[in-house]
Amino acid sequence: SPSAAHSLTDTPSAEMADKPDISAVSNFDKTKLKKTETAEKNTLPTKETIAQEKEAN
């Protein structure tokens, strides 16, 4: 089928582009990881947080 042949043409070029991208990203990630850890504190609210918000309202 023509559509299958088309996707086969797309896939290799996508993979080729992916590999340098990933290595570039992992080089950056090591610098950004510490900032990401700090941001992780902004996760879902705990029961304490919800209780405080109910009292404030």
C-alpha atoms as a PDB file:
ATOM      1  CA  SER A   1       0.000   0.000   0.000  1.00  0.00           C
ATOM      2  CA  PRO A   2       1.312   3.522  -0.801  1.00  0.00           C
ATOM      3  CA  SER A   3       0.763   4.854   2.723  1.00  0.00           C
ATOM      4  CA  ALA A   4       2.948   2.110   4.236  1.00  0.00           C
ATOM      5  CA  ALA A   5       5.742   2.925   1.795  1.00  0.00           C
ATOM      6  CA  HIS A   6       5.419   6.591   2.697  1.00  0.00           C
ATOM      7  CA  SER A   7       5.786   6.005   6.436  1.00  0.00           C
ATOM      8  CA  LEU A   8       8.811   3.789   5.786  1.00  0.00           C
ATOM      9  CA  THR A   9      10.424   6.748   4.032  1.00  0.00           C
ATOM     10  CA  ASP A  10       9.684   9.054   6.967  1.00  0.00           C
ATOM     11  CA  THR A  11      10.885   6.777   9.764  1.00  0.00           C
ATOM     12  CA  PRO A  12      14.646   6.481   9.003  1.00  0.00           C
ATOM     13  CA  SER A  13      15.098  10.226   8.572  1.00  0.00           C
ATOM     14  CA  ALA A  14      13.227  10.840  11.832  1.00  0.00           C
ATOM     15  CA  GLU A  15      15.485   8.383  13.677  1.00  0.00           C
ATOM     16  CA  MET A  16      18.610   9.945  12.177  1.00  0.00           C
ATOM     17  CA  ALA A  17      17.497  13.364  13.372  1.00  0.00           C
ATOM     18  CA  ASP A  18      16.553  11.939  16.769  1.00  0.00           C
ATOM     19  CA  LYS A  19      19.965  10.590  17.767  1.00  0.00           C
ATOM     20  CA  PRO A  20      21.937  13.881  17.690  1.00  0.00           C
ATOM     21  CA  ASP A  21      18.963  15.594  19.326  1.00  0.00           C
ATOM     22  CA  ILE A  22      18.978  13.188  22.263  1.00  0.00           C
ATOM     23  CA  SER A  23      22.721  13.587  22.893  1.00  0.00           C
ATOM     24  CA  ALA A  24      22.394  17.374  22.762  1.00  0.00           C
ATOM     25  CA  VAL A  25      19.502  17.233  25.211  1.00  0.00           C
ATOM     26  CA  SER A  26      21.332  14.975  27.675  1.00  0.00           C
ATOM     27  CA  ASN A  27      24.281  17.382  27.644  1.00  0.00           C
ATOM     28  CA  PHE A  28      21.896  20.175  28.620  1.00  0.00           C
ATOM     29  CA  ASP A  29      19.921  18.108  31.115  1.00  0.00           C
ATOM     30  CA  LYS A  30      22.899  17.732  33.445  1.00  0.00           C
ATOM     31  CA  THR A  31      23.014  21.498  33.905  1.00  0.00           C
ATOM     32  CA  LYS A  32      19.262  21.929  34.199  1.00  0.00           C
ATOM     33  CA  LEU A  33      18.661  18.958  36.511  1.00  0.00           C
ATOM     34  CA  LYS A  34      19.242  20.909  39.719  1.00  0.00           C
ATOM     35  CA  LYS A  35      16.709  23.553  38.696  1.00  0.00           C
ATOM     36  CA  THR A  36      14.236  20.800  37.818  1.00  0.00           C
ATOM     37  CA  GLU A  37      14.598  19.252  41.279  1.00  0.00           C
ATOM     38  CA  THR A  38      13.614  22.563  42.870  1.00  0.00           C
ATOM     39  CA  ALA A  39      10.578  22.812  40.604  1.00  0.00           C
ATOM     40  CA  GLU A  40       9.487  19.329  41.667  1.00  0.00           C
ATOM     41  CA  LYS A  41       8.353  20.778  44.998  1.00  0.00           C
ATOM     42  CA  ASN A  42       5.433  22.292  43.060  1.00  0.00           C
ATOM     43  CA  THR A  43       3.616  18.968  42.710  1.00  0.00           C
ATOM     44  CA  LEU A  44       0.052  18.110  43.645  1.00  0.00           C
ATOM     45  CA  PRO A  45      -1.170  19.818  46.851  1.00  0.00           C
ATOM     46  CA  THR A  46      -0.987  17.765  50.038  1.00  0.00           C
ATOM     47  CA  LYS A  47      -3.922  17.301  52.418  1.00  0.00           C
ATOM     48  CA  GLU A  48      -2.348  19.973  54.643  1.00  0.00           C
ATOM     49  CA  THR A  49      -2.232  22.456  51.763  1.00  0.00           C
ATOM     50  CA  ILE A  50      -5.860  21.770  50.865  1.00  0.00           C
ATOM     51  CA  ALA A  51      -6.916  22.207  54.505  1.00  0.00           C
ATOM     52  CA  GLN A  52      -5.028  25.524  54.709  1.00  0.00           C
ATOM     53  CA  GLU A  53      -6.717  26.755  51.530  1.00  0.00           C
ATOM     54  CA  LYS A  54     -10.160  25.814  52.865  1.00  0.00           C
ATOM     55  CA  GLU A  55      -9.453  27.763  56.068  1.00  0.00           C
ATOM     56  CA  ALA A  56      -8.203  30.769  54.080  1.00  0.00           C
ATOM     57  CA  ASN A  57     -11.400  30.795  52.004  1.00  0.00           C
END
